[in-house]
Amino acid sequence: MCATGKLGGGVVRELNAGRAKRGPDGLAVLDRLPEGPRRALVARLRRLREASGLTNEELVERLSAEGVTLSASRLSKFLNGHEVPSRAQVTVLHRLCETAGGGEPAPEAVKETQRLLYAVLDAERDTKPLRVREFDLAEARERLERLRVRTAAELRALREELEQERTLRRRAEEALDRLVTAAGDHARELGEITAERDAARRRIVELEERIRQHEALLRLHDHEARHLADMAEETAREIVRYGSPEPPKTPEHAPDPAVHVKELVALVERLRDEDRDEEADQALRRVCEGTPDLVPDLWQAFREENRRLDAKRLLVYASLYCDGVTLYRVWQTEKFRTWRSTYINGKRVEEFVPVIAAHAPFDELRRFVKACRERDESDALGILARRCRRRPFREVLALRSAGLRIRRPFLWRLRAAVLASVTAPERLP
């Protein structure tokens, strides 16, 4: 048996020996615990509980209100060192105790409690590998979120600087044009402004390159965050399956989608008001990528709140990030059918199909066209035929081959004939 295994066994024997010797508050005498990480963690948790002035039952009730389900007996096991809490339980427990004691939980103090927990898990790594993995994943997700926030802040600063440089370049070019028109004794000033304009141009090129790199980093951060979230969920399931004494209870009722939609609308509105447009757009993208079934309800909620720009952005992101079959299914929902049957000034209202025609990737657009043809959606096909004429020429040819009846003006037919003659294989003599 390894050293950590022996240490874990010794801790259990010491704790079992001291079960009968408890203090007036029902807790085992702390001196009975062997020196080591577990004793330091238990002492920390006891100080927090005592400073809060709460009983175990009151603390369990407040933990439940924060989404952490514990029994009073299991909390007592944490305070006696018989069990080790999870990282989420320790974090919420620390914050609740400090708040109940009349103070504000300091981030460094919470981090110190988390480090004590990790020291226990590290010392007993062989017996608690799943808990160690859960802790490591949570730490990685927090670091990634901090990195993502910093990258987004840098991206906003770069964009602001880019706008300033563009303004500077525009002013320099306007002044240069005026000086060139009235050139004479302004040769030196002309040279200085020319140098200023050239410096602004170089800085704009540099800023645009850095912005592209930060946008790529944000996309990678989002991908890594989703991956870590999946890993954390899988780890939690394994913990429940192989040894969690109290598996989390499944809610009796599924969450109400309408409540989620209201929260999303309020979140987007708050981010727009705080000039955090990039984060608001990212929230809309995540809805389209992860839960496209919420798009119709969210779109209708934006329209009812008179936020038509956000409703239009939502349709654009749905067209960009949903596949063609999902786009057709979303478009066929009752919300969009109701709006399609509405007439304004004698004209039929249709917002989604033109956006799909303008923004959907070509392969997904072709799948959407196929779904419309299979179900004989003549109105949608008519709109697509008119709107898709603006797409690249080769895509128009492919859409016509897929059955979309796009009109062919004379110049269009001439261009198709030239393209066919250039790309046709040489005939053998």
Protein backbone atom coordinates (compact mmCIF):
# COMPACT_ATOMS: atom_id res chain seq x y z
CA MET A 1 0.00 0.00 0.00
CA CYS A 2 1.28 3.50 -0.87
CA ALA A 3 2.10 6.16 1.72
CA THR A 4 -1.04 8.17 0.98
CA GLY A 5 -3.19 5.05 1.43
CA LYS A 6 -1.63 4.41 4.84
CA LEU A 7 -2.20 8.05 5.79
CA GLY A 8 -5.88 7.84 4.83
CA GLY A 9 -6.32 4.60 6.83
CA GLY A 10 -4.66 6.17 9.89
CA VAL A 11 -6.99 9.16 9.70
CA VAL A 12 -10.06 6.92 9.65
CA ARG A 13 -8.84 4.86 12.63
CA GLU A 14 -8.11 8.01 14.66
CA LEU A 15 -11.52 9.45 13.85
CA ASN A 16 -13.35 6.24 14.75
CA ALA A 17 -11.47 6.10 18.03
CA GLY A 18 -12.56 9.64 18.92
CA ARG A 19 -16.25 9.33 18.00
CA ALA A 20 -17.34 8.89 21.61
CA LYS A 21 -15.28 11.80 22.89
CA ARG A 22 -17.09 14.88 21.66
CA GLY A 23 -17.27 18.43 22.93
CA PRO A 24 -20.36 20.27 24.18
CA ASP A 25 -21.31 21.27 20.61
CA GLY A 26 -21.43 17.66 19.44
CA LEU A 27 -18.09 17.85 17.59
CA ALA A 28 -15.15 15.52 18.15
CA VAL A 29 -12.20 16.94 20.06
CA LEU A 30 -9.91 18.48 17.46
CA ASP A 31 -6.78 17.19 19.21
CA ARG A 32 -7.89 13.67 18.35
CA LEU A 33 -7.26 14.38 14.67
CA PRO A 34 -3.70 13.64 13.52
CA GLU A 35 -1.60 16.55 12.33
CA GLY A 36 -1.96 17.05 8.58
CA PRO A 37 -4.05 18.62 5.82
CA ARG A 38 -7.34 17.10 7.00
CA ARG A 39 -6.97 18.54 10.51
CA ALA A 40 -6.15 22.00 9.06
CA LEU A 41 -9.25 21.88 6.86
CA VAL A 42 -11.52 20.76 9.73
CA ALA A 43 -10.16 23.52 11.97
CA ARG A 44 -10.86 26.07 9.21
CA LEU A 45 -14.45 24.85 8.74
CA ARG A 46 -15.09 24.89 12.50
CA ARG A 47 -13.84 28.47 12.84
CA LEU A 48 -16.10 29.54 10.00
CA ARG A 49 -19.14 27.79 11.54
CA GLU A 50 -18.45 29.29 14.99
CA ALA A 51 -17.97 32.80 13.56
CA SER A 52 -21.30 32.56 11.70
CA GLY A 53 -23.26 31.93 14.93
CA LEU A 54 -25.48 29.39 13.10
CA THR A 55 -26.43 25.88 14.14
CA ASN A 56 -25.92 22.96 11.79
CA GLU A 57 -29.63 22.91 10.95
CA GLU A 58 -29.70 26.66 10.14
CA LEU A 59 -26.55 26.34 8.03
CA VAL A 60 -28.01 23.35 6.13
CA GLU A 61 -31.17 25.37 5.41
CA ARG A 62 -29.17 28.30 4.01
CA LEU A 63 -26.98 25.96 1.94
CA SER A 64 -30.11 24.44 0.42
CA ALA A 65 -31.32 27.92 -0.57
CA GLU A 66 -28.00 28.38 -2.43
CA GLY A 67 -28.48 25.12 -4.35
CA VAL A 68 -26.20 22.90 -2.17
CA THR A 69 -28.18 19.98 -0.78
CA LEU A 70 -26.74 18.58 2.49
CA SER A 71 -28.13 16.90 5.56
CA ALA A 72 -27.21 18.01 9.07
CA SER A 73 -25.55 14.64 9.71
CA ARG A 74 -23.34 14.95 6.66
CA LEU A 75 -22.37 18.53 7.60
CA SER A 76 -21.40 17.16 11.01
CA LYS A 77 -19.20 14.60 9.24
CA PHE A 78 -17.44 17.44 7.42
CA LEU A 79 -16.87 19.28 10.73
CA ASN A 80 -15.58 16.11 12.41
CA GLY A 81 -13.27 15.19 9.52
CA HIS A 82 -15.03 11.90 8.66
CA GLU A 83 -15.78 13.09 5.09
CA VAL A 84 -14.28 15.60 2.71
CA PRO A 85 -16.67 18.09 1.02
CA SER A 86 -16.54 18.94 -2.65
CA ARG A 87 -15.02 22.17 -3.94
CA ALA A 88 -18.46 23.71 -4.62
CA GLN A 89 -19.69 22.79 -1.13
CA VAL A 90 -16.62 24.31 0.56
CA THR A 91 -16.92 27.52 -1.49
CA VAL A 92 -20.61 28.12 -0.71
CA LEU A 93 -20.13 27.09 2.94
CA HIS A 94 -17.30 29.61 3.39
CA ARG A 95 -19.25 32.47 1.82
CA LEU A 96 -22.42 31.74 3.82
CA CYS A 97 -20.54 31.59 7.13
CA GLU A 98 -18.69 34.88 6.55
CA THR A 99 -21.89 36.61 5.40
CA ALA A 100 -23.83 35.35 8.42
CA GLY A 101 -21.02 36.63 10.67
CA GLY A 102 -21.53 40.16 9.33
CA GLY A 103 -18.53 40.28 7.00
CA GLU A 104 -17.93 40.18 3.27
CA PRO A 105 -16.27 37.02 1.91
CA ALA A 106 -12.81 37.98 0.68
CA PRO A 107 -11.73 36.13 -2.51
CA GLU A 108 -8.31 35.35 -1.02
CA ALA A 109 -9.91 33.81 2.09
CA VAL A 110 -12.13 31.61 -0.08
CA LYS A 111 -9.06 30.62 -2.11
CA GLU A 112 -7.23 29.67 1.10
CA THR A 113 -10.08 27.34 2.12
CA GLN A 114 -10.02 25.80 -1.37
CA ARG A 115 -6.26 25.30 -1.09
CA LEU A 116 -6.71 23.48 2.24
CA LEU A 117 -9.30 21.19 0.58
CA TYR A 118 -6.94 20.52 -2.31
CA ALA A 119 -4.14 19.66 0.13
CA VAL A 120 -6.40 16.97 1.66
CA LEU A 121 -7.33 15.60 -1.77
CA ASP A 122 -3.69 15.63 -2.89
CA ALA A 123 -2.58 13.75 0.24
CA GLU A 124 -5.31 11.14 -0.37
CA ARG A 125 -5.11 11.19 -4.16
CA ASP A 126 -5.07 7.40 -4.51
CA THR A 127 -8.37 7.02 -2.63
CA LYS A 128 -10.19 10.07 -4.09
CA PRO A 129 -9.12 10.39 -7.75
CA LEU A 130 -12.56 11.57 -8.90
CA ARG A 131 -12.66 14.38 -6.32
CA VAL A 132 -9.17 15.48 -7.38
CA ARG A 133 -10.25 15.53 -11.03
CA GLU A 134 -13.40 17.51 -10.13
CA PHE A 135 -11.28 20.09 -8.28
CA ASP A 136 -8.75 20.35 -11.14
CA LEU A 137 -11.49 20.86 -13.74
CA ALA A 138 -13.16 23.59 -11.67
CA GLU A 139 -9.81 25.39 -11.27
CA ALA A 140 -9.17 25.11 -15.02
CA ARG A 141 -12.62 26.51 -15.83
CA GLU A 142 -12.10 29.48 -13.50
CA ARG A 143 -8.69 30.23 -15.02
CA LEU A 144 -10.14 29.99 -18.52
CA GLU A 145 -13.02 32.34 -17.63
CA ARG A 146 -10.59 34.91 -16.22
CA LEU A 147 -8.49 34.60 -19.37
CA ARG A 148 -11.57 34.98 -21.56
CA VAL A 149 -12.70 38.12 -19.69
CA ARG A 150 -9.23 39.65 -19.97
CA THR A 151 -9.05 38.83 -23.69
CA ALA A 152 -12.49 40.39 -24.26
CA ALA A 153 -11.42 43.54 -22.40
CA GLU A 154 -8.24 43.77 -24.48
CA LEU A 155 -10.29 43.28 -27.63
CA ARG A 156 -12.61 46.16 -26.69
CA ALA A 157 -9.62 48.39 -25.95
CA LEU A 158 -8.04 47.49 -29.29
CA ARG A 159 -11.26 48.28 -31.13
CA GLU A 160 -11.52 51.65 -29.40
CA GLU A 161 -7.92 52.44 -30.27
CA LEU A 162 -8.58 51.35 -33.86
CA GLU A 163 -11.51 53.78 -34.10
CA GLN A 164 -9.33 56.57 -32.71
CA GLU A 165 -6.58 55.79 -35.22
CA ARG A 166 -9.09 55.74 -38.07
CA THR A 167 -10.41 59.12 -36.96
CA LEU A 168 -6.86 60.44 -36.78
CA ARG A 169 -6.10 59.11 -40.25
CA ARG A 170 -9.27 60.63 -41.67
CA ARG A 171 -8.47 64.04 -40.17
CA ALA A 172 -4.90 63.84 -41.43
CA GLU A 173 -6.07 62.96 -44.92
CA GLU A 174 -8.59 65.83 -44.91
CA ALA A 175 -5.92 68.28 -43.73
CA LEU A 176 -3.52 66.88 -46.32
CA ASP A 177 -6.04 67.39 -49.08
CA ARG A 178 -6.56 70.99 -47.98
CA LEU A 179 -2.82 71.63 -47.89
CA VAL A 180 -2.25 70.04 -51.30
CA THR A 181 -4.98 72.30 -52.70
CA ALA A 182 -3.46 75.39 -51.11
CA ALA A 183 0.19 74.27 -51.31
CA GLY A 184 2.80 76.96 -51.21
CA ASP A 185 4.70 77.78 -48.05
CA HIS A 186 3.31 74.73 -46.24
CA ALA A 187 5.90 72.18 -47.38
CA ARG A 188 7.15 71.42 -43.85
CA GLU A 189 3.64 71.14 -42.41
CA LEU A 190 2.71 69.00 -45.38
CA GLY A 191 5.54 66.60 -44.59
CA GLU A 192 4.60 66.34 -40.92
CA ILE A 193 0.97 65.61 -41.65
CA THR A 194 1.98 63.08 -44.32
CA ALA A 195 4.19 61.30 -41.77
CA GLU A 196 1.31 61.36 -39.25
CA ARG A 197 -1.05 59.86 -41.80
CA ASP A 198 1.43 57.11 -42.71
CA ALA A 199 1.98 56.29 -39.01
CA ALA A 200 -1.78 56.07 -38.49
CA ARG A 201 -2.09 53.71 -41.46
CA ARG A 202 0.63 51.42 -40.10
CA ARG A 203 -0.99 51.42 -36.66
CA ILE A 204 -4.38 50.59 -38.18
CA VAL A 205 -2.91 47.58 -39.98
CA GLU A 206 -1.28 46.43 -36.73
CA LEU A 207 -4.49 46.90 -34.70
CA GLU A 208 -6.61 45.08 -37.27
CA GLU A 209 -4.22 42.11 -37.12
CA ARG A 210 -4.31 42.07 -33.31
CA ILE A 211 -8.11 42.28 -33.33
CA ARG A 212 -8.30 39.26 -35.65
CA GLN A 213 -6.02 37.33 -33.31
CA HIS A 214 -8.07 38.27 -30.22
CA GLU A 215 -11.28 37.27 -31.98
CA ALA A 216 -9.68 33.89 -32.75
CA LEU A 217 -8.62 33.59 -29.10
CA LEU A 218 -12.18 34.30 -27.94
CA ARG A 219 -13.52 31.58 -30.22
CA LEU A 220 -10.95 29.16 -28.81
CA HIS A 221 -11.83 30.19 -25.23
CA ASP A 222 -15.52 29.52 -25.92
CA HIS A 223 -14.67 26.10 -27.36
CA GLU A 224 -12.45 25.22 -24.39
CA ALA A 225 -15.11 26.43 -21.93
CA ARG A 226 -17.72 24.16 -23.52
CA HIS A 227 -15.25 21.25 -23.46
CA LEU A 228 -14.42 21.82 -19.77
CA ALA A 229 -18.12 22.08 -18.91
CA ASP A 230 -18.74 18.71 -20.61
CA MET A 231 -15.82 17.17 -18.72
CA ALA A 232 -17.08 18.58 -15.42
CA GLU A 233 -20.58 17.19 -16.00
CA GLU A 234 -19.16 13.77 -16.87
CA THR A 235 -16.96 13.82 -13.76
CA ALA A 236 -19.96 14.77 -11.59
CA ARG A 237 -21.95 11.86 -13.04
CA GLU A 238 -19.11 9.45 -12.26
CA ILE A 239 -18.88 10.78 -8.69
CA VAL A 240 -22.61 10.19 -8.20
CA ARG A 241 -22.35 6.72 -9.76
CA TYR A 242 -19.35 5.49 -7.75
CA GLY A 243 -19.63 6.74 -4.25
CA SER A 244 -21.43 10.00 -3.58
CA PRO A 245 -23.30 9.36 -0.33
CA GLU A 246 -26.04 11.80 -1.27
CA PRO A 247 -26.58 11.98 -5.06
CA PRO A 248 -28.17 15.25 -6.23
CA LYS A 249 -31.93 15.14 -6.42
CA THR A 250 -33.58 15.40 -9.80
CA PRO A 251 -36.04 18.32 -9.85
CA GLU A 252 -39.65 17.22 -9.93
CA HIS A 253 -40.49 19.69 -12.66
CA ALA A 254 -38.39 20.69 -15.65
CA PRO A 255 -37.37 24.38 -15.78
CA ASP A 256 -39.87 26.65 -17.49
CA PRO A 257 -38.48 27.78 -20.91
CA ALA A 258 -40.44 31.04 -20.58
CA VAL A 259 -38.49 31.93 -17.45
CA HIS A 260 -35.22 31.23 -19.28
CA VAL A 261 -36.32 33.42 -22.19
CA LYS A 262 -37.17 36.30 -19.82
CA GLU A 263 -33.75 35.97 -18.19
CA LEU A 264 -32.04 36.04 -21.62
CA VAL A 265 -33.96 39.16 -22.66
CA ALA A 266 -33.06 40.89 -19.40
CA LEU A 267 -29.40 39.83 -19.76
CA VAL A 268 -29.11 41.13 -23.34
CA GLU A 269 -30.85 44.39 -22.41
CA ARG A 270 -28.49 44.93 -19.46
CA LEU A 271 -25.38 44.19 -21.54
CA ARG A 272 -26.55 46.59 -24.28
CA ASP A 273 -27.17 49.33 -21.72
CA GLU A 274 -23.64 48.82 -20.32
CA ASP A 275 -22.11 49.03 -23.86
CA ARG A 276 -21.02 45.39 -23.63
CA ASP A 277 -22.29 44.57 -27.10
CA GLU A 278 -19.76 41.79 -27.72
CA GLU A 279 -20.95 39.86 -24.66
CA ALA A 280 -24.60 40.38 -25.65
CA ASP A 281 -23.88 39.03 -29.16
CA GLN A 282 -22.03 36.10 -27.62
CA ALA A 283 -25.09 35.26 -25.49
CA LEU A 284 -27.26 35.22 -28.65
CA ARG A 285 -24.71 33.00 -30.44
CA ARG A 286 -24.73 30.50 -27.58
CA VAL A 287 -28.52 30.24 -27.73
CA CYS A 288 -28.38 29.52 -31.48
CA GLU A 289 -25.57 26.96 -31.09
CA GLY A 290 -26.74 25.20 -27.92
CA THR A 291 -30.54 25.59 -27.64
CA PRO A 292 -31.98 26.57 -31.05
CA ASP A 293 -35.47 25.56 -29.87
CA LEU A 294 -35.51 28.78 -27.78
CA VAL A 295 -35.00 30.98 -30.87
CA PRO A 296 -38.74 31.43 -31.72
CA ASP A 297 -39.72 32.33 -28.12
CA LEU A 298 -36.71 34.63 -27.70
CA TRP A 299 -37.41 36.30 -31.07
CA GLN A 300 -41.04 36.94 -30.13
CA ALA A 301 -39.98 38.26 -26.69
CA PHE A 302 -37.58 40.75 -28.33
CA ARG A 303 -40.36 41.97 -30.62
CA GLU A 304 -42.84 42.33 -27.75
CA GLU A 305 -40.20 44.38 -25.87
CA ASN A 306 -39.77 46.52 -29.02
CA ARG A 307 -36.15 45.39 -29.38
CA ARG A 308 -36.28 44.80 -33.13
CA LEU A 309 -32.53 45.12 -33.64
CA ASP A 310 -31.85 42.29 -31.20
CA ALA A 311 -34.60 40.24 -32.86
CA LYS A 312 -32.88 40.78 -36.24
CA ARG A 313 -29.44 39.90 -34.79
CA LEU A 314 -30.90 36.70 -33.33
CA LEU A 315 -32.15 35.65 -36.79
CA VAL A 316 -28.74 36.42 -38.31
CA TYR A 317 -26.90 34.28 -35.72
CA ALA A 318 -29.44 31.47 -36.16
CA SER A 319 -28.79 31.55 -39.92
CA LEU A 320 -25.02 31.46 -39.35
CA TYR A 321 -24.79 28.76 -36.67
CA CYS A 322 -27.79 26.40 -37.20
CA ASP A 323 -27.83 23.64 -39.82
CA GLY A 324 -30.37 23.72 -42.65
CA VAL A 325 -32.76 21.15 -41.17
CA THR A 326 -32.77 22.94 -37.79
CA LEU A 327 -33.42 26.25 -39.56
CA TYR A 328 -36.45 24.75 -41.32
CA ARG A 329 -37.76 23.23 -38.07
CA VAL A 330 -37.37 26.55 -36.22
CA TRP A 331 -38.96 28.49 -39.07
CA GLN A 332 -41.97 26.10 -39.02
CA THR A 333 -42.77 26.79 -35.35
CA GLU A 334 -46.03 28.48 -34.37
CA LYS A 335 -44.29 31.76 -33.51
CA PHE A 336 -42.95 32.32 -37.03
CA ARG A 337 -46.09 30.94 -38.72
CA THR A 338 -48.19 33.50 -36.83
CA TRP A 339 -45.98 36.38 -37.98
CA ARG A 340 -45.86 35.05 -41.56
CA SER A 341 -49.64 35.27 -41.75
CA THR A 342 -49.61 38.98 -40.76
CA TYR A 343 -50.02 41.67 -43.41
CA ILE A 344 -48.69 45.22 -43.13
CA ASN A 345 -49.74 47.80 -45.77
CA GLY A 346 -51.12 45.01 -47.92
CA LYS A 347 -47.82 43.05 -47.94
CA ARG A 348 -47.07 39.75 -46.25
CA VAL A 349 -44.57 39.98 -43.39
CA GLU A 350 -41.63 37.58 -43.71
CA GLU A 351 -38.41 38.28 -41.79
CA PHE A 352 -36.65 34.94 -41.34
CA VAL A 353 -36.36 33.61 -44.92
CA PRO A 354 -34.62 36.75 -46.34
CA VAL A 355 -32.10 36.60 -43.49
CA ILE A 356 -31.44 32.91 -44.19
CA ALA A 357 -30.93 33.70 -47.88
CA ALA A 358 -28.43 36.46 -47.06
CA HIS A 359 -26.41 34.93 -44.20
CA ALA A 360 -26.69 31.11 -44.09
CA PRO A 361 -23.59 29.15 -45.22
CA PHE A 362 -24.07 27.76 -48.70
CA ASP A 363 -24.33 24.07 -47.73
CA GLU A 364 -26.91 24.80 -45.01
CA LEU A 365 -28.82 27.11 -47.37
CA ARG A 366 -29.01 24.29 -49.91
CA ARG A 367 -30.37 21.94 -47.23
CA PHE A 368 -32.97 24.54 -46.25
CA VAL A 369 -34.02 24.89 -49.92
CA LYS A 370 -34.31 21.11 -50.20
CA ALA A 371 -36.52 20.94 -47.09
CA CYS A 372 -38.78 23.69 -48.52
CA ARG A 373 -39.08 21.90 -51.89
CA GLU A 374 -39.90 18.55 -50.25
CA ARG A 375 -42.77 20.21 -48.34
CA ASP A 376 -43.88 22.48 -51.20
CA GLU A 377 -43.26 25.78 -49.38
CA SER A 378 -43.94 27.88 -52.49
CA ASP A 379 -43.92 31.26 -50.71
CA ALA A 380 -40.56 30.60 -49.10
CA LEU A 381 -39.10 29.32 -52.37
CA GLY A 382 -40.25 32.49 -54.12
CA ILE A 383 -38.55 34.68 -51.52
CA LEU A 384 -35.38 32.57 -51.69
CA ALA A 385 -35.34 32.80 -55.50
CA ARG A 386 -35.45 36.60 -55.36
CA ARG A 387 -32.99 37.03 -52.51
CA CYS A 388 -30.41 34.44 -53.59
CA ARG A 389 -29.72 36.28 -56.84
CA ARG A 390 -27.33 38.43 -54.79
CA ARG A 391 -25.16 35.47 -53.74
CA PRO A 392 -21.93 34.53 -55.59
CA PHE A 393 -22.45 33.38 -59.17
CA ARG A 394 -21.31 29.78 -58.64
CA GLU A 395 -23.63 29.39 -55.65
CA VAL A 396 -26.53 30.66 -57.78
CA LEU A 397 -25.75 28.01 -60.40
CA ALA A 398 -25.69 25.28 -57.73
CA LEU A 399 -28.98 26.50 -56.22
CA ARG A 400 -30.62 26.42 -59.65
CA SER A 401 -29.37 22.86 -60.07
CA ALA A 402 -30.95 22.08 -56.68
CA GLY A 403 -34.34 23.23 -58.03
CA LEU A 404 -34.54 26.87 -56.90
CA ARG A 405 -36.13 28.85 -59.75
CA ILE A 406 -33.91 31.92 -59.96
CA ARG A 407 -34.64 34.16 -62.96
CA ARG A 408 -31.95 34.37 -65.60
CA PRO A 409 -31.49 37.81 -67.21
CA PHE A 410 -29.65 38.08 -70.51
CA LEU A 411 -26.30 39.07 -68.94
CA TRP A 412 -26.68 36.24 -66.45
CA ARG A 413 -27.15 33.68 -69.27
CA LEU A 414 -24.20 35.17 -71.14
CA ARG A 415 -21.99 34.85 -68.07
CA ALA A 416 -23.11 31.22 -67.55
CA ALA A 417 -22.26 30.40 -71.18
CA VAL A 418 -18.78 31.95 -70.84
CA LEU A 419 -18.14 30.05 -67.61
CA ALA A 420 -19.27 26.78 -69.21
CA SER A 421 -16.98 27.32 -72.20
CA VAL A 422 -13.99 28.05 -69.93
CA THR A 423 -14.53 25.10 -67.58
CA ALA A 424 -15.60 22.52 -70.23
CA PRO A 425 -13.05 19.69 -70.78
CA GLU A 426 -11.16 19.66 -74.07
CA ARG A 427 -12.70 17.32 -76.63
CA LEU A 428 -10.60 14.56 -78.12
CA PRO A 429 -10.08 14.79 -81.92
